[in-house]
Amino acid sequence: LDDAMRIDDRALCQELVLGVLRRRLWLD
């Protein structure tokens, strides 16, 4: 991820990506 991205944005991005992948079938 872009080093210029704010630390809170990086954290939210990681949470969204991993969360969606972990819960994919349930979400679908």
mmCIF file of all heavy atoms, coordinates in Angstrom:
data_MODEL
# 
_entry.id   MODEL 
# 
loop_
_atom_site.group_PDB 
_atom_site.id 
_atom_site.type_symbol 
_atom_site.label_atom_id 
_atom_site.label_alt_id 
_atom_site.label_comp_id 
_atom_site.label_asym_id 
_atom_site.label_entity_id 
_atom_site.label_seq_id 
_atom_site.pdbx_PDB_ins_code 
_atom_site.Cartn_x 
_atom_site.Cartn_y 
_atom_site.Cartn_z 
_atom_site.occupancy 
_atom_site.B_iso_or_equiv 
_atom_site.pdbx_formal_charge 
_atom_site.auth_seq_id 
_atom_site.auth_comp_id 
_atom_site.auth_asym_id 
_atom_site.auth_atom_id 
_atom_site.pdbx_PDB_model_num 
ATOM 1   N N   . LEU A 1 1  ? 0.830   -1.201  0.000  1.00 0.00 ? 1  LEU A N   1 
ATOM 2   C CA  . LEU A 1 1  ? 0.000   0.000   0.000  1.00 0.00 ? 1  LEU A CA  1 
ATOM 3   C C   . LEU A 1 1  ? 0.869   1.256   0.000  1.00 0.00 ? 1  LEU A C   1 
ATOM 4   O O   . LEU A 1 1  ? 1.970   1.265   0.543  1.00 0.00 ? 1  LEU A O   1 
ATOM 5   C CB  . LEU A 1 1  ? -0.919  0.011   1.223  1.00 0.00 ? 1  LEU A CB  1 
ATOM 6   C CG  . LEU A 1 1  ? -2.144  -0.900  1.190  1.00 0.00 ? 1  LEU A CG  1 
ATOM 7   C CD1 . LEU A 1 1  ? -2.845  -0.881  2.537  1.00 0.00 ? 1  LEU A CD1 1 
ATOM 8   C CD2 . LEU A 1 1  ? -3.102  -0.471  0.086  1.00 0.00 ? 1  LEU A CD2 1 
ATOM 9   N N   . ASP A 1 2  ? 0.349   2.294   -0.599 1.00 0.00 ? 2  ASP A N   1 
ATOM 10  C CA  . ASP A 1 2  ? 1.074   3.565   -0.698 1.00 0.00 ? 2  ASP A CA  1 
ATOM 11  C C   . ASP A 1 2  ? 1.505   4.032   0.689  1.00 0.00 ? 2  ASP A C   1 
ATOM 12  O O   . ASP A 1 2  ? 0.686   4.172   1.605  1.00 0.00 ? 2  ASP A O   1 
ATOM 13  C CB  . ASP A 1 2  ? 0.153   4.610   -1.343 1.00 0.00 ? 2  ASP A CB  1 
ATOM 14  C CG  . ASP A 1 2  ? 0.854   5.929   -1.599 1.00 0.00 ? 2  ASP A CG  1 
ATOM 15  O OD1 . ASP A 1 2  ? 2.043   6.064   -1.234 1.00 0.00 ? 2  ASP A OD1 1 
ATOM 16  O OD2 . ASP A 1 2  ? 0.201   6.828   -2.156 1.00 0.00 ? 2  ASP A OD2 1 
ATOM 17  N N   . ASP A 1 3  ? 2.801   4.287   0.844  1.00 0.00 ? 3  ASP A N   1 
ATOM 18  C CA  . ASP A 1 3  ? 3.317   4.746   2.137  1.00 0.00 ? 3  ASP A CA  1 
ATOM 19  C C   . ASP A 1 3  ? 2.727   6.088   2.547  1.00 0.00 ? 3  ASP A C   1 
ATOM 20  O O   . ASP A 1 3  ? 2.744   6.449   3.727  1.00 0.00 ? 3  ASP A O   1 
ATOM 21  C CB  . ASP A 1 3  ? 4.848   4.859   2.089  1.00 0.00 ? 3  ASP A CB  1 
ATOM 22  C CG  . ASP A 1 3  ? 5.519   3.493   2.022  1.00 0.00 ? 3  ASP A CG  1 
ATOM 23  O OD1 . ASP A 1 3  ? 4.881   2.511   2.423  1.00 0.00 ? 3  ASP A OD1 1 
ATOM 24  O OD2 . ASP A 1 3  ? 6.680   3.434   1.565  1.00 0.00 ? 3  ASP A OD2 1 
ATOM 25  N N   . ALA A 1 4  ? 2.216   6.831   1.574  1.00 0.00 ? 4  ALA A N   1 
ATOM 26  C CA  . ALA A 1 4  ? 1.629   8.136   1.892  1.00 0.00 ? 4  ALA A CA  1 
ATOM 27  C C   . ALA A 1 4  ? 0.229   8.009   2.489  1.00 0.00 ? 4  ALA A C   1 
ATOM 28  O O   . ALA A 1 4  ? -0.310  8.985   3.021  1.00 0.00 ? 4  ALA A O   1 
ATOM 29  C CB  . ALA A 1 4  ? 1.581   9.004   0.632  1.00 0.00 ? 4  ALA A CB  1 
ATOM 30  N N   . MET A 1 5  ? -0.365  6.820   2.414  1.00 0.00 ? 5  MET A N   1 
ATOM 31  C CA  . MET A 1 5  ? -1.705  6.625   2.977  1.00 0.00 ? 5  MET A CA  1 
ATOM 32  C C   . MET A 1 5  ? -1.654  6.760   4.489  1.00 0.00 ? 5  MET A C   1 
ATOM 33  O O   . MET A 1 5  ? -0.752  6.251   5.138  1.00 0.00 ? 5  MET A O   1 
ATOM 34  C CB  . MET A 1 5  ? -2.242  5.248   2.584  1.00 0.00 ? 5  MET A CB  1 
ATOM 35  C CG  . MET A 1 5  ? -3.657  4.985   3.079  1.00 0.00 ? 5  MET A CG  1 
ATOM 36  S SD  . MET A 1 5  ? -4.292  3.332   2.616  1.00 0.00 ? 5  MET A SD  1 
ATOM 37  C CE  . MET A 1 5  ? -4.619  3.602   0.878  1.00 0.00 ? 5  MET A CE  1 
ATOM 38  N N   . ARG A 1 6  ? -2.618  7.472   5.047  1.00 0.00 ? 6  ARG A N   1 
ATOM 39  C CA  . ARG A 1 6  ? -2.669  7.656   6.497  1.00 0.00 ? 6  ARG A CA  1 
ATOM 40  C C   . ARG A 1 6  ? -2.783  6.320   7.193  1.00 0.00 ? 6  ARG A C   1 
ATOM 41  O O   . ARG A 1 6  ? -3.372  5.378   6.668  1.00 0.00 ? 6  ARG A O   1 
ATOM 42  C CB  . ARG A 1 6  ? -3.865  8.532   6.877  1.00 0.00 ? 6  ARG A CB  1 
ATOM 43  C CG  . ARG A 1 6  ? -3.697  9.982   6.537  1.00 0.00 ? 6  ARG A CG  1 
ATOM 44  C CD  . ARG A 1 6  ? -4.875  10.827  6.967  1.00 0.00 ? 6  ARG A CD  1 
ATOM 45  N NE  . ARG A 1 6  ? -5.998  10.103  7.561  1.00 0.00 ? 6  ARG A NE  1 
ATOM 46  C CZ  . ARG A 1 6  ? -7.171  10.672  7.799  1.00 0.00 ? 6  ARG A CZ  1 
ATOM 47  N NH1 . ARG A 1 6  ? -7.390  11.935  7.494  1.00 0.00 ? 6  ARG A NH1 1 
ATOM 48  N NH2 . ARG A 1 6  ? -8.149  9.956   8.335  1.00 0.00 ? 6  ARG A NH2 1 
ATOM 49  N N   . ILE A 1 7  ? -2.247  6.255   8.405  1.00 0.00 ? 7  ILE A N   1 
ATOM 50  C CA  . ILE A 1 7  ? -2.204  4.986   9.129  1.00 0.00 ? 7  ILE A CA  1 
ATOM 51  C C   . ILE A 1 7  ? -3.611  4.463   9.408  1.00 0.00 ? 7  ILE A C   1 
ATOM 52  O O   . ILE A 1 7  ? -3.854  3.251   9.362  1.00 0.00 ? 7  ILE A O   1 
ATOM 53  C CB  . ILE A 1 7  ? -1.393  5.136   10.431 1.00 0.00 ? 7  ILE A CB  1 
ATOM 54  C CG1 . ILE A 1 7  ? -1.018  3.763   10.978 1.00 0.00 ? 7  ILE A CG1 1 
ATOM 55  C CG2 . ILE A 1 7  ? -2.133  5.966   11.460 1.00 0.00 ? 7  ILE A CG2 1 
ATOM 56  C CD1 . ILE A 1 7  ? 0.002   3.038   10.163 1.00 0.00 ? 7  ILE A CD1 1 
ATOM 57  N N   . ASP A 1 8  ? -4.584  5.352   9.680  1.00 0.00 ? 8  ASP A N   1 
ATOM 58  C CA  . ASP A 1 8  ? -5.940  4.876   9.942  1.00 0.00 ? 8  ASP A CA  1 
ATOM 59  C C   . ASP A 1 8  ? -6.606  4.360   8.666  1.00 0.00 ? 8  ASP A C   1 
ATOM 60  O O   . ASP A 1 8  ? -7.397  3.410   8.703  1.00 0.00 ? 8  ASP A O   1 
ATOM 61  C CB  . ASP A 1 8  ? -6.792  5.966   10.597 1.00 0.00 ? 8  ASP A CB  1 
ATOM 62  C CG  . ASP A 1 8  ? -6.845  7.243   9.777  1.00 0.00 ? 8  ASP A CG  1 
ATOM 63  O OD1 . ASP A 1 8  ? -5.939  7.473   8.958  1.00 0.00 ? 8  ASP A OD1 1 
ATOM 64  O OD2 . ASP A 1 8  ? -7.790  8.026   9.964  1.00 0.00 ? 8  ASP A OD2 1 
ATOM 65  N N   . ASP A 1 9  ? -6.265  4.961   7.520  1.00 0.00 ? 9  ASP A N   1 
ATOM 66  C CA  . ASP A 1 9  ? -6.787  4.461   6.255  1.00 0.00 ? 9  ASP A CA  1 
ATOM 67  C C   . ASP A 1 9  ? -6.185  3.092   5.917  1.00 0.00 ? 9  ASP A C   1 
ATOM 68  O O   . ASP A 1 9  ? -6.877  2.204   5.404  1.00 0.00 ? 9  ASP A O   1 
ATOM 69  C CB  . ASP A 1 9  ? -6.491  5.447   5.126  1.00 0.00 ? 9  ASP A CB  1 
ATOM 70  C CG  . ASP A 1 9  ? -7.459  6.620   5.096  1.00 0.00 ? 9  ASP A CG  1 
ATOM 71  O OD1 . ASP A 1 9  ? -8.616  6.432   5.511  1.00 0.00 ? 9  ASP A OD1 1 
ATOM 72  O OD2 . ASP A 1 9  ? -7.063  7.713   4.685  1.00 0.00 ? 9  ASP A OD2 1 
ATOM 73  N N   . ARG A 1 10 ? -4.900  2.926   6.201  1.00 0.00 ? 10 ARG A N   1 
ATOM 74  C CA  . ARG A 1 10 ? -4.271  1.625   5.968  1.00 0.00 ? 10 ARG A CA  1 
ATOM 75  C C   . ARG A 1 10 ? -4.939  0.549   6.826  1.00 0.00 ? 10 ARG A C   1 
ATOM 76  O O   . ARG A 1 10 ? -5.189  -0.563  6.371  1.00 0.00 ? 10 ARG A O   1 
ATOM 77  C CB  . ARG A 1 10 ? -2.779  1.695   6.285  1.00 0.00 ? 10 ARG A CB  1 
ATOM 78  C CG  . ARG A 1 10 ? -1.976  2.575   5.349  1.00 0.00 ? 10 ARG A CG  1 
ATOM 79  C CD  . ARG A 1 10 ? -0.546  2.719   5.834  1.00 0.00 ? 10 ARG A CD  1 
ATOM 80  N NE  . ARG A 1 10 ? 0.180   1.469   5.673  1.00 0.00 ? 10 ARG A NE  1 
ATOM 81  C CZ  . ARG A 1 10 ? 0.893   1.151   4.611  1.00 0.00 ? 10 ARG A CZ  1 
ATOM 82  N NH1 . ARG A 1 10 ? 0.972   1.991   3.585  1.00 0.00 ? 10 ARG A NH1 1 
ATOM 83  N NH2 . ARG A 1 10 ? 1.543   0.007   4.538  1.00 0.00 ? 10 ARG A NH2 1 
ATOM 84  N N   . ALA A 1 11 ? -5.212  0.899   8.088  1.00 0.00 ? 11 ALA A N   1 
ATOM 85  C CA  . ALA A 1 11 ? -5.845  -0.063  8.996  1.00 0.00 ? 11 ALA A CA  1 
ATOM 86  C C   . ALA A 1 11 ? -7.248  -0.427  8.517  1.00 0.00 ? 11 ALA A C   1 
ATOM 87  O O   . ALA A 1 11 ? -7.646  -1.602  8.562  1.00 0.00 ? 11 ALA A O   1 
ATOM 88  C CB  . ALA A 1 11 ? -5.889  0.510   10.412 1.00 0.00 ? 11 ALA A CB  1 
ATOM 89  N N   . LEU A 1 12 ? -8.015  0.569   8.079  1.00 0.00 ? 12 LEU A N   1 
ATOM 90  C CA  . LEU A 1 12 ? -9.366  0.292   7.591  1.00 0.00 ? 12 LEU A CA  1 
ATOM 91  C C   . LEU A 1 12 ? -9.318  -0.545  6.321  1.00 0.00 ? 12 LEU A C   1 
ATOM 92  O O   . LEU A 1 12 ? -10.098 -1.492  6.157  1.00 0.00 ? 12 LEU A O   1 
ATOM 93  C CB  . LEU A 1 12 ? -10.124 1.592   7.325  1.00 0.00 ? 12 LEU A CB  1 
ATOM 94  C CG  . LEU A 1 12 ? -11.539 1.437   6.743  1.00 0.00 ? 12 LEU A CG  1 
ATOM 95  C CD1 . LEU A 1 12 ? -12.415 0.580   7.640  1.00 0.00 ? 12 LEU A CD1 1 
ATOM 96  C CD2 . LEU A 1 12 ? -12.180 2.804   6.498  1.00 0.00 ? 12 LEU A CD2 1 
ATOM 97  N N   . CYS A 1 13 ? -8.399  -0.234  5.415  1.00 0.00 ? 13 CYS A N   1 
ATOM 98  C CA  . CYS A 1 13 ? -8.257  -1.016  4.191  1.00 0.00 ? 13 CYS A CA  1 
ATOM 99  C C   . CYS A 1 13 ? -7.965  -2.477  4.517  1.00 0.00 ? 13 CYS A C   1 
ATOM 100 O O   . CYS A 1 13 ? -8.578  -3.390  3.953  1.00 0.00 ? 13 CYS A O   1 
ATOM 101 C CB  . CYS A 1 13 ? -7.145  -0.427  3.320  1.00 0.00 ? 13 CYS A CB  1 
ATOM 102 S SG  . CYS A 1 13 ? -6.827  -1.369  1.809  1.00 0.00 ? 13 CYS A SG  1 
ATOM 103 N N   . GLN A 1 14 ? -7.043  -2.710  5.434  1.00 0.00 ? 14 GLN A N   1 
ATOM 104 C CA  . GLN A 1 14 ? -6.705  -4.086  5.811  1.00 0.00 ? 14 GLN A CA  1 
ATOM 105 C C   . GLN A 1 14 ? -7.898  -4.794  6.420  1.00 0.00 ? 14 GLN A C   1 
ATOM 106 O O   . GLN A 1 14 ? -8.168  -5.955  6.108  1.00 0.00 ? 14 GLN A O   1 
ATOM 107 C CB  . GLN A 1 14 ? -5.535  -4.093  6.782  1.00 0.00 ? 14 GLN A CB  1 
ATOM 108 C CG  . GLN A 1 14 ? -5.158  -5.487  7.257  1.00 0.00 ? 14 GLN A CG  1 
ATOM 109 C CD  . GLN A 1 14 ? -3.820  -5.537  7.957  1.00 0.00 ? 14 GLN A CD  1 
ATOM 110 O OE1 . GLN A 1 14 ? -2.878  -4.878  7.562  1.00 0.00 ? 14 GLN A OE1 1 
ATOM 111 N NE2 . GLN A 1 14 ? -3.736  -6.319  9.014  1.00 0.00 ? 14 GLN A NE2 1 
ATOM 112 N N   . GLU A 1 15 ? -8.636  -4.096  7.293  1.00 0.00 ? 15 GLU A N   1 
ATOM 113 C CA  . GLU A 1 15 ? -9.811  -4.690  7.927  1.00 0.00 ? 15 GLU A CA  1 
ATOM 114 C C   . GLU A 1 15 ? -10.856 -5.059  6.879  1.00 0.00 ? 15 GLU A C   1 
ATOM 115 O O   . GLU A 1 15 ? -11.450 -6.144  6.929  1.00 0.00 ? 15 GLU A O   1 
ATOM 116 C CB  . GLU A 1 15 ? -10.403 -3.720  8.941  1.00 0.00 ? 15 GLU A CB  1 
ATOM 117 C CG  . GLU A 1 15 ? -11.722 -4.149  9.555  1.00 0.00 ? 15 GLU A CG  1 
ATOM 118 C CD  . GLU A 1 15 ? -11.600 -5.429  10.368 1.00 0.00 ? 15 GLU A CD  1 
ATOM 119 O OE1 . GLU A 1 15 ? -10.534 -5.644  10.990 1.00 0.00 ? 15 GLU A OE1 1 
ATOM 120 O OE2 . GLU A 1 15 ? -12.564 -6.217  10.376 1.00 0.00 ? 15 GLU A OE2 1 
ATOM 121 N N   . LEU A 1 16 ? -11.085 -4.180  5.916  1.00 0.00 ? 16 LEU A N   1 
ATOM 122 C CA  . LEU A 1 16 ? -12.087 -4.441  4.890  1.00 0.00 ? 16 LEU A CA  1 
ATOM 123 C C   . LEU A 1 16 ? -11.688 -5.621  4.004  1.00 0.00 ? 16 LEU A C   1 
ATOM 124 O O   . LEU A 1 16 ? -12.497 -6.513  3.735  1.00 0.00 ? 16 LEU A O   1 
ATOM 125 C CB  . LEU A 1 16 ? -12.292 -3.189  4.030  1.00 0.00 ? 16 LEU A CB  1 
ATOM 126 C CG  . LEU A 1 16 ? -12.957 -1.992  4.710  1.00 0.00 ? 16 LEU A CG  1 
ATOM 127 C CD1 . LEU A 1 16 ? -12.965 -0.790  3.781  1.00 0.00 ? 16 LEU A CD1 1 
ATOM 128 C CD2 . LEU A 1 16 ? -14.374 -2.325  5.159  1.00 0.00 ? 16 LEU A CD2 1 
ATOM 129 N N   . VAL A 1 17 ? -10.441 -5.625  3.553  1.00 0.00 ? 17 VAL A N   1 
ATOM 130 C CA  . VAL A 1 17 ? -9.994  -6.685  2.653  1.00 0.00 ? 17 VAL A CA  1 
ATOM 131 C C   . VAL A 1 17 ? -10.051 -8.042  3.339  1.00 0.00 ? 17 VAL A C   1 
ATOM 132 O O   . VAL A 1 17 ? -10.663 -8.998  2.837  1.00 0.00 ? 17 VAL A O   1 
ATOM 133 C CB  . VAL A 1 17 ? -8.568  -6.395  2.144  1.00 0.00 ? 17 VAL A CB  1 
ATOM 134 C CG1 . VAL A 1 17 ? -7.990  -7.620  1.433  1.00 0.00 ? 17 VAL A CG1 1 
ATOM 135 C CG2 . VAL A 1 17 ? -8.572  -5.196  1.204  1.00 0.00 ? 17 VAL A CG2 1 
ATOM 136 N N   . LEU A 1 18 ? -9.397  -8.153  4.491  1.00 0.00 ? 18 LEU A N   1 
ATOM 137 C CA  . LEU A 1 18 ? -9.347  -9.445  5.169  1.00 0.00 ? 18 LEU A CA  1 
ATOM 138 C C   . LEU A 1 18 ? -10.722 -9.854  5.690  1.00 0.00 ? 18 LEU A C   1 
ATOM 139 O O   . LEU A 1 18 ? -11.085 -11.038 5.656  1.00 0.00 ? 18 LEU A O   1 
ATOM 140 C CB  . LEU A 1 18 ? -8.331  -9.402  6.306  1.00 0.00 ? 18 LEU A CB  1 
ATOM 141 C CG  . LEU A 1 18 ? -6.874  -9.189  5.868  1.00 0.00 ? 18 LEU A CG  1 
ATOM 142 C CD1 . LEU A 1 18 ? -5.955  -9.188  7.078  1.00 0.00 ? 18 LEU A CD1 1 
ATOM 143 C CD2 . LEU A 1 18 ? -6.437  -10.245 4.869  1.00 0.00 ? 18 LEU A CD2 1 
ATOM 144 N N   . GLY A 1 19 ? -11.494 -8.888  6.158  1.00 0.00 ? 19 GLY A N   1 
ATOM 145 C CA  . GLY A 1 19 ? -12.831 -9.203  6.653  1.00 0.00 ? 19 GLY A CA  1 
ATOM 146 C C   . GLY A 1 19 ? -13.739 -9.747  5.563  1.00 0.00 ? 19 GLY A C   1 
ATOM 147 O O   . GLY A 1 19 ? -14.450 -10.737 5.766  1.00 0.00 ? 19 GLY A O   1 
ATOM 148 N N   . VAL A 1 20 ? -13.727 -9.107  4.401  1.00 0.00 ? 20 VAL A N   1 
ATOM 149 C CA  . VAL A 1 20 ? -14.557 -9.576  3.291  1.00 0.00 ? 20 VAL A CA  1 
ATOM 150 C C   . VAL A 1 20 ? -14.114 -10.964 2.832  1.00 0.00 ? 20 VAL A C   1 
ATOM 151 O O   . VAL A 1 20 ? -14.946 -11.841 2.564  1.00 0.00 ? 20 VAL A O   1 
ATOM 152 C CB  . VAL A 1 20 ? -14.501 -8.572  2.122  1.00 0.00 ? 20 VAL A CB  1 
ATOM 153 C CG1 . VAL A 1 20 ? -15.038 -9.188  0.834  1.00 0.00 ? 20 VAL A CG1 1 
ATOM 154 C CG2 . VAL A 1 20 ? -15.288 -7.312  2.471  1.00 0.00 ? 20 VAL A CG2 1 
ATOM 155 N N   . LEU A 1 21 ? -12.809 -11.196 2.754  1.00 0.00 ? 21 LEU A N   1 
ATOM 156 C CA  . LEU A 1 21 ? -12.324 -12.506 2.322  1.00 0.00 ? 21 LEU A CA  1 
ATOM 157 C C   . LEU A 1 21 ? -12.646 -13.595 3.349  1.00 0.00 ? 21 LEU A C   1 
ATOM 158 O O   . LEU A 1 21 ? -12.964 -14.728 2.983  1.00 0.00 ? 21 LEU A O   1 
ATOM 159 C CB  . LEU A 1 21 ? -10.823 -12.440 2.058  1.00 0.00 ? 21 LEU A CB  1 
ATOM 160 C CG  . LEU A 1 21 ? -10.396 -11.609 0.847  1.00 0.00 ? 21 LEU A CG  1 
ATOM 161 C CD1 . LEU A 1 21 ? -8.875  -11.476 0.794  1.00 0.00 ? 21 LEU A CD1 1 
ATOM 162 C CD2 . LEU A 1 21 ? -10.923 -12.218 -0.453 1.00 0.00 ? 21 LEU A CD2 1 
ATOM 163 N N   . ARG A 1 22 ? -12.542 -13.255 4.622  1.00 0.00 ? 22 ARG A N   1 
ATOM 164 C CA  . ARG A 1 22 ? -12.847 -14.245 5.659  1.00 0.00 ? 22 ARG A CA  1 
ATOM 165 C C   . ARG A 1 22 ? -14.330 -14.592 5.699  1.00 0.00 ? 22 ARG A C   1 
ATOM 166 O O   . ARG A 1 22 ? -14.712 -15.724 6.000  1.00 0.00 ? 22 ARG A O   1 
ATOM 167 C CB  . ARG A 1 22 ? -12.426 -13.708 7.029  1.00 0.00 ? 22 ARG A CB  1 
ATOM 168 C CG  . ARG A 1 22 ? -10.925 -13.633 7.248  1.00 0.00 ? 22 ARG A CG  1 
ATOM 169 C CD  . ARG A 1 22 ? -10.620 -12.822 8.493  1.00 0.00 ? 22 ARG A CD  1 
ATOM 170 N NE  . ARG A 1 22 ? -9.181  -12.685 8.718  1.00 0.00 ? 22 ARG A NE  1 
ATOM 171 C CZ  . ARG A 1 22 ? -8.617  -11.661 9.374  1.00 0.00 ? 22 ARG A CZ  1 
ATOM 172 N NH1 . ARG A 1 22 ? -9.377  -10.691 9.877  1.00 0.00 ? 22 ARG A NH1 1 
ATOM 173 N NH2 . ARG A 1 22 ? -7.312  -11.620 9.529  1.00 0.00 ? 22 ARG A NH2 1 
ATOM 174 N N   . ARG A 1 23 ? -15.192 -13.630 5.431  1.00 0.00 ? 23 ARG A N   1 
ATOM 175 C CA  . ARG A 1 23 ? -16.639 -13.828 5.584  1.00 0.00 ? 23 ARG A CA  1 
ATOM 176 C C   . ARG A 1 23 ? -17.354 -13.971 4.240  1.00 0.00 ? 23 ARG A C   1 
ATOM 177 O O   . ARG A 1 23 ? -18.568 -13.814 4.156  1.00 0.00 ? 23 ARG A O   1 
ATOM 178 C CB  . ARG A 1 23 ? -17.218 -12.624 6.341  1.00 0.00 ? 23 ARG A CB  1 
ATOM 179 C CG  . ARG A 1 23 ? -16.597 -12.354 7.693  1.00 0.00 ? 23 ARG A CG  1 
ATOM 180 C CD  . ARG A 1 23 ? -17.166 -13.251 8.746  1.00 0.00 ? 23 ARG A CD  1 
ATOM 181 N NE  . ARG A 1 23 ? -18.530 -12.884 9.094  1.00 0.00 ? 23 ARG A NE  1 
ATOM 182 C CZ  . ARG A 1 23 ? -19.332 -13.625 9.839  1.00 0.00 ? 23 ARG A CZ  1 
ATOM 183 N NH1 . ARG A 1 23 ? -18.901 -14.785 10.307 1.00 0.00 ? 23 ARG A NH1 1 
ATOM 184 N NH2 . ARG A 1 23 ? -20.547 -13.229 10.120 1.00 0.00 ? 23 ARG A NH2 1 
ATOM 185 N N   . ARG A 1 24 ? -16.630 -14.290 3.186  1.00 0.00 ? 24 ARG A N   1 
ATOM 186 C CA  . ARG A 1 24 ? -17.157 -14.222 1.825  1.00 0.00 ? 24 ARG A CA  1 
ATOM 187 C C   . ARG A 1 24 ? -18.425 -15.022 1.620  1.00 0.00 ? 24 ARG A C   1 
ATOM 188 O O   . ARG A 1 24 ? -19.417 -14.506 1.090  1.00 0.00 ? 24 ARG A O   1 
ATOM 189 C CB  . ARG A 1 24 ? -16.091 -14.693 0.825  1.00 0.00 ? 24 ARG A CB  1 
ATOM 190 C CG  . ARG A 1 24 ? -16.413 -14.319 -0.602 1.00 0.00 ? 24 ARG A CG  1 
ATOM 191 C CD  . ARG A 1 24 ? -15.380 -14.903 -1.556 1.00 0.00 ? 24 ARG A CD  1 
ATOM 192 N NE  . ARG A 1 24 ? -15.762 -16.250 -1.988 1.00 0.00 ? 24 ARG A NE  1 
ATOM 193 C CZ  . ARG A 1 24 ? -15.105 -16.945 -2.922 1.00 0.00 ? 24 ARG A CZ  1 
ATOM 194 N NH1 . ARG A 1 24 ? -14.002 -16.440 -3.446 1.00 0.00 ? 24 ARG A NH1 1 
ATOM 195 N NH2 . ARG A 1 24 ? -15.514 -18.147 -3.289 1.00 0.00 ? 24 ARG A NH2 1 
ATOM 196 N N   . LEU A 1 25 ? -18.439 -16.275 2.017  1.00 0.00 ? 25 LEU A N   1 
ATOM 197 C CA  . LEU A 1 25 ? -19.612 -17.110 1.765  1.00 0.00 ? 25 LEU A CA  1 
ATOM 198 C C   . LEU A 1 25 ? -20.825 -16.601 2.519  1.00 0.00 ? 25 LEU A C   1 
ATOM 199 O O   . LEU A 1 25 ? -21.938 -16.540 1.971  1.00 0.00 ? 25 LEU A O   1 
ATOM 200 C CB  . LEU A 1 25 ? -19.313 -18.564 2.147  1.00 0.00 ? 25 LEU A CB  1 
ATOM 201 C CG  . LEU A 1 25 ? -20.455 -19.556 1.941  1.00 0.00 ? 25 LEU A CG  1 
ATOM 202 C CD1 . LEU A 1 25 ? -20.889 -19.586 0.483  1.00 0.00 ? 25 LEU A CD1 1 
ATOM 203 C CD2 . LEU A 1 25 ? -20.040 -20.952 2.404  1.00 0.00 ? 25 LEU A CD2 1 
ATOM 204 N N   . TRP A 1 26 ? -20.654 -16.233 3.772  1.00 0.00 ? 26 TRP A N   1 
ATOM 205 C CA  . TRP A 1 26 ? -21.762 -15.696 4.568  1.00 0.00 ? 26 TRP A CA  1 
ATOM 206 C C   . TRP A 1 26 ? -22.300 -14.421 3.925  1.00 0.00 ? 26 TRP A C   1 
ATOM 207 O O   . TRP A 1 26 ? -23.521 -14.243 3.784  1.00 0.00 ? 26 TRP A O   1 
ATOM 208 C CB  . TRP A 1 26 ? -21.295 -15.425 5.994  1.00 0.00 ? 26 TRP A CB  1 
ATOM 209 C CG  . TRP A 1 26 ? -22.392 -15.027 6.938  1.00 0.00 ? 26 TRP A CG  1 
ATOM 210 C CD1 . TRP A 1 26 ? -23.155 -15.859 7.697  1.00 0.00 ? 26 TRP A CD1 1 
ATOM 211 C CD2 . TRP A 1 26 ? -22.843 -13.697 7.222  1.00 0.00 ? 26 TRP A CD2 1 
ATOM 212 N NE1 . TRP A 1 26 ? -24.059 -15.128 8.445  1.00 0.00 ? 26 TRP A NE1 1 
ATOM 213 C CE2 . TRP A 1 26 ? -23.885 -13.800 8.171  1.00 0.00 ? 26 TRP A CE2 1 
ATOM 214 C CE3 . TRP A 1 26 ? -22.475 -12.437 6.773  1.00 0.00 ? 26 TRP A CE3 1 
ATOM 215 C CZ2 . TRP A 1 26 ? -24.569 -12.695 8.668  1.00 0.00 ? 26 TRP A CZ2 1 
ATOM 216 C CZ3 . TRP A 1 26 ? -23.147 -11.315 7.258  1.00 0.00 ? 26 TRP A CZ3 1 
ATOM 217 C CH2 . TRP A 1 26 ? -24.181 -11.448 8.197  1.00 0.00 ? 26 TRP A CH2 1 
ATOM 218 N N   . LEU A 1 27 ? -21.408 -13.530 3.520  1.00 0.00 ? 27 LEU A N   1 
ATOM 219 C CA  . LEU A 1 27 ? -21.833 -12.289 2.871  1.00 0.00 ? 27 LEU A CA  1 
ATOM 220 C C   . LEU A 1 27 ? -22.600 -12.577 1.584  1.00 0.00 ? 27 LEU A C   1 
ATOM 221 O O   . LEU A 1 27 ? -23.630 -11.940 1.307  1.00 0.00 ? 27 LEU A O   1 
ATOM 222 C CB  . LEU A 1 27 ? -20.613 -11.416 2.563  1.00 0.00 ? 27 LEU A CB  1 
ATOM 223 C CG  . LEU A 1 27 ? -19.857 -10.839 3.762  1.00 0.00 ? 27 LEU A CG  1 
ATOM 224 C CD1 . LEU A 1 27 ? -18.547 -10.210 3.304  1.00 0.00 ? 27 LEU A CD1 1 
ATOM 225 C CD2 . LEU A 1 27 ? -20.702 -9.809  4.513  1.00 0.00 ? 27 LEU A CD2 1 
ATOM 226 N N   . ASP A 1 28 ? -22.119 -13.535 0.807  1.00 0.00 ? 28 ASP A N   1 
ATOM 227 C CA  . ASP A 1 28 ? -22.779 -13.838 -0.456 1.00 0.00 ? 28 ASP A CA  1 
ATOM 228 C C   . ASP A 1 28 ? -24.181 -14.392 -0.238 1.00 0.00 ? 28 ASP A C   1 
ATOM 229 O O   . ASP A 1 28 ? -25.106 -14.080 -1.001 1.00 0.00 ? 28 ASP A O   1 
ATOM 230 C CB  . ASP A 1 28 ? -21.940 -14.834 -1.256 1.00 0.00 ? 28 ASP A CB  1 
ATOM 231 C CG  . ASP A 1 28 ? -20.706 -14.202 -1.876 1.00 0.00 ? 28 ASP A CG  1 
ATOM 232 O OD1 . ASP A 1 28 ? -20.545 -12.969 -1.757 1.00 0.00 ? 28 ASP A OD1 1 
ATOM 233 O OD2 . ASP A 1 28 ? -19.896 -14.934 -2.471 1.00 0.00 ? 28 ASP A OD2 1 
# 
